[in-house]
C-alpha atoms as a PDB file:
ATOM      1  CA  MET A   1       4.811  16.123  12.578  1.00  0.00           C
ATOM      2  CA  LYS A   2       7.540  16.749  10.244  1.00  0.00           C
ATOM      3  CA  LEU A   3       8.591  14.449   7.710  1.00  0.00           C
ATOM      4  CA  ASN A   4      12.091  14.659   5.892  1.00  0.00           C
ATOM      5  CA  PRO A   5      11.576  13.694   2.202  1.00  0.00           C
ATOM      6  CA  ASN A   6      15.100  12.422   2.253  1.00  0.00           C
ATOM      7  CA  HIS A   7      14.194   9.660   4.577  1.00  0.00           C
ATOM      8  CA  THR A   8      10.524   9.138   4.029  1.00  0.00           C
ATOM      9  CA  ALA A   9       8.944   6.946   1.388  1.00  0.00           C
ATOM     10  CA  LEU A  10       5.402   6.624   0.315  1.00  0.00           C
ATOM     11  CA  ILE A  11       4.288   3.148  -0.289  1.00  0.00           C
ATOM     12  CA  LEU A  12       1.110   2.374  -2.272  1.00  0.00           C
ATOM     13  CA  ILE A  13      -0.380  -1.040  -2.065  1.00  0.00           C
ATOM     14  CA  ASP A  14      -2.264  -2.838  -4.927  1.00  0.00           C
ATOM     15  CA  LEU A  15      -3.634   0.259  -6.735  1.00  0.00           C
ATOM     16  CA  GLN A  16      -3.839  -1.949  -9.854  1.00  0.00           C
ATOM     17  CA  LYS A  17      -6.706  -2.258 -12.423  1.00  0.00           C
ATOM     18  CA  GLY A  18      -7.781  -5.710 -11.240  1.00  0.00           C
ATOM     19  CA  ILE A  19      -8.162  -4.397  -7.535  1.00  0.00           C
ATOM     20  CA  VAL A  20      -9.646  -0.879  -7.855  1.00  0.00           C
ATOM     21  CA  ASN A  21     -12.481  -2.197  -9.763  1.00  0.00           C
ATOM     22  CA  MET A  22     -13.744  -3.856  -6.319  1.00  0.00           C
ATOM     23  CA  GLU A  23     -16.265  -2.280  -4.304  1.00  0.00           C
ATOM     24  CA  THR A  24     -14.530  -0.847  -1.243  1.00  0.00           C
ATOM     25  CA  PHE A  25     -15.409   0.941   2.107  1.00  0.00           C
ATOM     26  CA  PRO A  26     -15.510   3.355   3.720  1.00  0.00           C
ATOM     27  CA  HIS A  27     -13.820   4.928   0.810  1.00  0.00           C
ATOM     28  CA  SER A  28     -14.553   4.240  -2.888  1.00  0.00           C
ATOM     29  CA  ALA A  29     -11.548   2.819  -4.679  1.00  0.00           C
ATOM     30  CA  SER A  30     -11.696   5.941  -6.987  1.00  0.00           C
ATOM     31  CA  SER A  31     -11.358   8.197  -3.898  1.00  0.00           C
ATOM     32  CA  VAL A  32      -8.325   6.175  -2.687  1.00  0.00           C
ATOM     33  CA  VAL A  33      -6.667   6.411  -5.948  1.00  0.00           C
ATOM     34  CA  GLU A  34      -7.373  10.230  -5.975  1.00  0.00           C
ATOM     35  CA  ALA A  35      -5.940  10.827  -2.320  1.00  0.00           C
ATOM     36  CA  SER A  36      -3.026   8.480  -3.083  1.00  0.00           C
ATOM     37  CA  ALA A  37      -2.004  10.277  -6.370  1.00  0.00           C
ATOM     38  CA  ASN A  38      -2.264  13.558  -4.554  1.00  0.00           C
ATOM     39  CA  LEU A  39       0.161  12.088  -2.112  1.00  0.00           C
ATOM     40  CA  ALA A  40       2.350  10.778  -4.627  1.00  0.00           C
ATOM     41  CA  ALA A  41       2.481  14.261  -6.575  1.00  0.00           C
ATOM     42  CA  ALA A  42       3.546  15.883  -3.262  1.00  0.00           C
ATOM     43  CA  PHE A  43       6.206  13.435  -2.413  1.00  0.00           C
ATOM     44  CA  GLN A  44       7.532  13.663  -6.015  1.00  0.00           C
ATOM     45  CA  ALA A  45       7.523  17.481  -5.901  1.00  0.00           C
ATOM     46  CA  LYS A  46       9.607  17.118  -2.753  1.00  0.00           C
ATOM     47  CA  GLY A  47      12.006  14.506  -4.277  1.00  0.00           C
ATOM     48  CA  ALA A  48      10.903  11.773  -1.919  1.00  0.00           C
ATOM     49  CA  MET A  49      10.675   8.115  -2.906  1.00  0.00           C
ATOM     50  CA  VAL A  50       7.191   6.772  -4.203  1.00  0.00           C
ATOM     51  CA  VAL A  51       7.096   3.098  -4.384  1.00  0.00           C
ATOM     52  CA  ALA A  52       4.057   1.461  -6.151  1.00  0.00           C
ATOM     53  CA  VAL A  53       3.499  -2.265  -5.040  1.00  0.00           C
ATOM     54  CA  ASN A  54       1.210  -4.651  -7.072  1.00  0.00           C
ATOM     55  CA  VAL A  55       0.544  -8.147  -6.626  1.00  0.00           C
ATOM     56  CA  ASN A  56       0.933 -10.607  -9.688  1.00  0.00           C
ATOM     57  CA  PHE A  57       1.564 -14.283 -10.425  1.00  0.00           C
ATOM     58  CA  VAL A  58       3.623 -15.813 -13.369  1.00  0.00           C
ATOM     59  CA  ASP A  59       1.507 -18.907 -13.689  1.00  0.00           C
ATOM     60  CA  GLY A  60      -0.181 -19.300 -10.371  1.00  0.00           C
ATOM     61  CA  LYS A  61       2.248 -21.918  -8.816  1.00  0.00           C
ATOM     62  CA  GLU A  62       4.039 -19.401  -6.827  1.00  0.00           C
ATOM     63  CA  ALA A  63       0.784 -18.407  -5.090  1.00  0.00           C
ATOM     64  CA  LEU A  64       0.170 -19.387  -1.387  1.00  0.00           C
ATOM     65  CA  ARG A  65      -2.419 -22.251  -1.055  1.00  0.00           C
ATOM     66  CA  PRO A  66      -3.268 -22.576   2.706  1.00  0.00           C
ATOM     67  CA  LEU A  67      -6.385 -24.522   3.782  1.00  0.00           C
ATOM     68  CA  THR A  68      -9.053 -21.875   4.609  1.00  0.00           C
ATOM     69  CA  ASP A  69     -12.467 -21.647   5.564  1.00  0.00           C
ATOM     70  CA  GLN A  70     -13.202 -18.992   3.196  1.00  0.00           C
ATOM     71  CA  ALA A  71     -12.401 -18.835  -0.789  1.00  0.00           C
ATOM     72  CA  PRO A  72      -9.778 -16.382  -1.968  1.00  0.00           C
ATOM     73  CA  ILE A  73     -10.941 -12.908  -2.792  1.00  0.00           C
ATOM     74  CA  SER A  74      -9.603 -13.255  -6.422  1.00  0.00           C
ATOM     75  CA  GLY A  75     -12.087 -15.874  -7.325  1.00  0.00           C
ATOM     76  CA  GLY A  76      -9.443 -18.108  -8.946  1.00  0.00           C
ATOM     77  CA  THR A  77      -6.556 -17.842 -11.481  1.00  0.00           C
ATOM     78  CA  SER A  78      -8.410 -16.631 -14.475  1.00  0.00           C
ATOM     79  CA  ARG A  79      -7.556 -12.787 -14.739  1.00  0.00           C
ATOM     80  CA  PRO A  80      -7.778 -10.346 -17.455  1.00  0.00           C
ATOM     81  CA  ALA A  81      -4.362  -9.500 -18.913  1.00  0.00           C
ATOM     82  CA  ASP A  82      -4.024  -6.005 -17.328  1.00  0.00           C
ATOM     83  CA  TRP A  83      -5.266  -7.218 -13.925  1.00  0.00           C
ATOM     84  CA  SER A  84      -2.020  -6.468 -12.217  1.00  0.00           C
ATOM     85  CA  ALA A  85      -1.247  -3.118 -14.072  1.00  0.00           C
ATOM     86  CA  LEU A  86      -0.957  -0.061 -11.840  1.00  0.00           C
ATOM     87  CA  VAL A  87      -3.541   2.542 -12.416  1.00  0.00           C
ATOM     88  CA  ALA A  88      -2.206   5.492 -14.558  1.00  0.00           C
ATOM     89  CA  GLU A  89      -2.400   8.043 -11.678  1.00  0.00           C
ATOM     90  CA  ILE A  90       0.081   5.807  -9.870  1.00  0.00           C
ATOM     91  CA  GLU A  91       2.269   4.606 -12.675  1.00  0.00           C
ATOM     92  CA  GLU A  92       3.183   7.852 -13.694  1.00  0.00           C
ATOM     93  CA  LYS A  93       4.332   9.120 -10.319  1.00  0.00           C
ATOM     94  CA  LYS A  94       6.104   6.181  -8.974  1.00  0.00           C
ATOM     95  CA  THR A  95       9.899   5.873  -8.232  1.00  0.00           C
ATOM     96  CA  LEU A  96      10.103   2.209  -7.717  1.00  0.00           C
ATOM     97  CA  SER A  97       7.727  -0.867  -8.538  1.00  0.00           C
ATOM     98  CA  VAL A  98       7.714  -3.683  -6.403  1.00  0.00           C
ATOM     99  CA  THR A  99       5.750  -6.906  -7.434  1.00  0.00           C
ATOM    100  CA  LYS A 100       4.881  -9.308  -4.490  1.00  0.00           C
ATOM    101  CA  ARG A 101       3.374 -12.790  -4.551  1.00  0.00           C
ATOM    102  CA  GLN A 102       1.647 -12.543  -1.230  1.00  0.00           C
ATOM    103  CA  TRP A 103      -0.227 -10.215   0.909  1.00  0.00           C
ATOM    104  CA  GLY A 104       2.597  -8.264   2.337  1.00  0.00           C
ATOM    105  CA  ALA A 105       5.115  -5.974   0.238  1.00  0.00           C
ATOM    106  CA  PHE A 106       8.315  -6.987   2.102  1.00  0.00           C
ATOM    107  CA  HIS A 107       8.615 -10.613   2.388  1.00  0.00           C
ATOM    108  CA  GLY A 108      10.284 -12.116  -0.787  1.00  0.00           C
ATOM    109  CA  THR A 109      10.824  -8.781  -2.540  1.00  0.00           C
ATOM    110  CA  GLU A 110      13.477  -6.181  -2.574  1.00  0.00           C
ATOM    111  CA  LEU A 111      11.703  -3.478  -0.963  1.00  0.00           C
ATOM    112  CA  ASP A 112      13.456  -3.426   2.292  1.00  0.00           C
ATOM    113  CA  LEU A 113      16.958  -3.512   0.341  1.00  0.00           C
ATOM    114  CA  GLN A 114      15.932  -0.508  -1.813  1.00  0.00           C
ATOM    115  CA  LEU A 115      14.355   1.585   1.141  1.00  0.00           C
ATOM    116  CA  ARG A 116      17.652   0.959   3.256  1.00  0.00           C
ATOM    117  CA  ARG A 117      20.024   1.742   0.320  1.00  0.00           C
ATOM    118  CA  ARG A 118      18.064   5.074   0.143  1.00  0.00           C
ATOM    119  CA  GLY A 119      18.487   5.743   3.862  1.00  0.00           C
ATOM    120  CA  ILE A 120      14.616   5.563   4.382  1.00  0.00           C
ATOM    121  CA  ASP A 121      13.697   5.166   7.849  1.00  0.00           C
ATOM    122  CA  THR A 122       9.925   6.272   7.623  1.00  0.00           C
ATOM    123  CA  ILE A 123       7.206   4.936   5.484  1.00  0.00           C
ATOM    124  CA  VAL A 124       3.692   6.442   4.456  1.00  0.00           C
ATOM    125  CA  LEU A 125       1.252   3.622   3.619  1.00  0.00           C
ATOM    126  CA  GLY A 126      -1.869   3.741   1.684  1.00  0.00           C
ATOM    127  CA  GLY A 127      -3.728   1.477  -0.673  1.00  0.00           C
ATOM    128  CA  ILE A 128      -6.255  -1.388  -1.163  1.00  0.00           C
ATOM    129  CA  SER A 129      -7.059  -3.294   1.198  1.00  0.00           C
ATOM    130  CA  THR A 130      -6.529  -1.753   4.541  1.00  0.00           C
ATOM    131  CA  SER A 131      -6.983  -5.117   6.319  1.00  0.00           C
ATOM    132  CA  ILE A 132      -5.025  -7.441   3.939  1.00  0.00           C
ATOM    133  CA  GLY A 133      -2.044  -5.837   1.897  1.00  0.00           C
ATOM    134  CA  VAL A 134      -1.665  -2.511   3.876  1.00  0.00           C
ATOM    135  CA  ASP A 135      -2.000  -4.313   7.179  1.00  0.00           C
ATOM    136  CA  THR A 136       0.384  -7.234   6.307  1.00  0.00           C
ATOM    137  CA  THR A 137       2.989  -4.830   4.823  1.00  0.00           C
ATOM    138  CA  ALA A 138       2.468  -2.451   8.115  1.00  0.00           C
ATOM    139  CA  ARG A 139       3.216  -5.563  10.438  1.00  0.00           C
ATOM    140  CA  GLU A 140       6.305  -6.460   8.394  1.00  0.00           C
ATOM    141  CA  ALA A 141       7.714  -2.857   8.442  1.00  0.00           C
ATOM    142  CA  TYR A 142       7.176  -2.611  11.966  1.00  0.00           C
ATOM    143  CA  GLN A 143       9.042  -5.836  12.641  1.00  0.00           C
ATOM    144  CA  LEU A 144      11.786  -4.306  10.307  1.00  0.00           C
ATOM    145  CA  GLY A 145      11.986  -1.157  12.652  1.00  0.00           C
ATOM    146  CA  TYR A 146      10.614   1.307  10.167  1.00  0.00           C
ATOM    147  CA  GLN A 147       8.604   4.449  11.433  1.00  0.00           C
ATOM    148  CA  GLN A 148       5.023   4.255   9.912  1.00  0.00           C
ATOM    149  CA  ILE A 149       2.431   6.918   8.970  1.00  0.00           C
ATOM    150  CA  PHE A 150      -1.009   5.395   7.693  1.00  0.00           C
ATOM    151  CA  ALA A 151      -2.670   7.715   5.357  1.00  0.00           C
ATOM    152  CA  ALA A 152      -6.327   6.837   6.537  1.00  0.00           C
ATOM    153  CA  ASP A 153      -8.312   8.415   3.609  1.00  0.00           C
ATOM    154  CA  ALA A 154      -5.849   6.771   1.046  1.00  0.00           C
ATOM    155  CA  MET A 155      -6.877   3.323   2.019  1.00  0.00           C
ATOM    156  CA  ALA A 156      -9.867   1.283   2.030  1.00  0.00           C
ATOM    157  CA  ALA A 157     -11.243  -2.465   2.555  1.00  0.00           C
ATOM    158  CA  LEU A 158     -13.821  -4.833   1.321  1.00  0.00           C
ATOM    159  CA  THR A 159     -16.054  -4.062   4.370  1.00  0.00           C
ATOM    160  CA  GLU A 160     -16.135  -0.906   6.536  1.00  0.00           C
ATOM    161  CA  GLU A 161     -15.645  -3.135   9.646  1.00  0.00           C
ATOM    162  CA  GLU A 162     -12.397  -4.480   8.370  1.00  0.00           C
ATOM    163  CA  HIS A 163     -10.932  -0.913   7.666  1.00  0.00           C
ATOM    164  CA  GLU A 164     -12.060   0.488  10.845  1.00  0.00           C
ATOM    165  CA  TYR A 165     -11.040  -2.623  12.890  1.00  0.00           C
ATOM    166  CA  THR A 166      -7.581  -2.102  11.491  1.00  0.00           C
ATOM    167  CA  LEU A 167      -7.266   1.498  11.901  1.00  0.00           C
ATOM    168  CA  LYS A 168      -8.730   1.296  15.556  1.00  0.00           C
ATOM    169  CA  TYR A 169      -6.714  -1.705  16.919  1.00  0.00           C
ATOM    170  CA  ILE A 170      -3.711  -2.364  14.769  1.00  0.00           C
ATOM    171  CA  PHE A 171      -2.344   0.708  13.204  1.00  0.00           C
ATOM    172  CA  PRO A 172      -2.369   2.957  16.388  1.00  0.00           C
ATOM    173  CA  ARG A 173       0.112   0.251  18.099  1.00  0.00           C
ATOM    174  CA  ILE A 174       2.658   0.513  15.410  1.00  0.00           C
ATOM    175  CA  GLY A 175       2.490   3.802  13.938  1.00  0.00           C
ATOM    176  CA  ARG A 176       0.602   7.032  13.536  1.00  0.00           C
ATOM    177  CA  ILE A 177      -2.625   7.535  11.644  1.00  0.00           C
ATOM    178  CA  ARG A 178      -3.354  10.805   9.793  1.00  0.00           C
ATOM    179  CA  ARG A 179      -5.225  12.114   6.692  1.00  0.00           C
ATOM    180  CA  SER A 180      -3.391  12.750   3.365  1.00  0.00           C
ATOM    181  CA  GLY A 181      -3.687  16.631   3.732  1.00  0.00           C
ATOM    182  CA  GLU A 182      -1.927  16.294   7.172  1.00  0.00           C
ATOM    183  CA  ILE A 183       0.797  14.119   5.574  1.00  0.00           C
ATOM    184  CA  ILE A 184       1.538  16.488   2.793  1.00  0.00           C
ATOM    185  CA  GLU A 185       1.824  19.560   5.145  1.00  0.00           C
ATOM    186  CA  ALA A 186       4.342  17.758   7.129  1.00  0.00           C
ATOM    187  CA  LEU A 187       6.568  17.212   4.013  1.00  0.00           C
ATOM    188  CA  GLN A 188       9.418  19.657   4.775  1.00  0.00           C
END
């Protein structure tokens, strides 16, 4: 695998203070942040785009409110002031910040526009949670025609089963799964 840094972007999902404090599997949030920061540094060194995506709400009224059988993970609208702030390791390496108001990073944001303006046709995805934000973003990217690589060690979910299911049944159908070291080696 070879990746052209002029046409490839790293997109990191929800590596923000309010989310990296959750317990994640099979990788700890701190190991996901470390692997993501290593990827971001390699992309930055090659002049490739690094996109940091966070989720945030202005007053909560823009949040989706479907009728569900399970309560939202966030546990309500009361959050600390820095809940949506990116972790420092990612904040310092980003080329572009995107704030989303739902699970996926493409719908309702300028992400697709900014990638296309820069000639990006391939994306590398990582973040938390594999089965929610990363998965939804990947499905949107697939429908928009992007080539995708999933950094398996730079993502985690709330349960190991969610993470493994997504890597076993969803991602192989819409892209390639690699470890962050392999992705770094592929940057030409």
